[in-house]
């Protein structure tokens, strides 16, 4: 059943794209928060960004 295989592959690919998009969006929010904190001279930590603070 090639059709079922294709649909399943499509769903899998869609999930992968969505996951990548969410990861990217989270990183963008993170950078935006860092930029905002830096612009007002606040010390900002990378907690909650999926990366350890340097």
Foldseek 3Di string as FASTA:
>chain_A
DVVVVVVVVVVVVVVVVVVVVVLVVLQVVQVVVVVVCVVVPHDDASPPNPDHGD
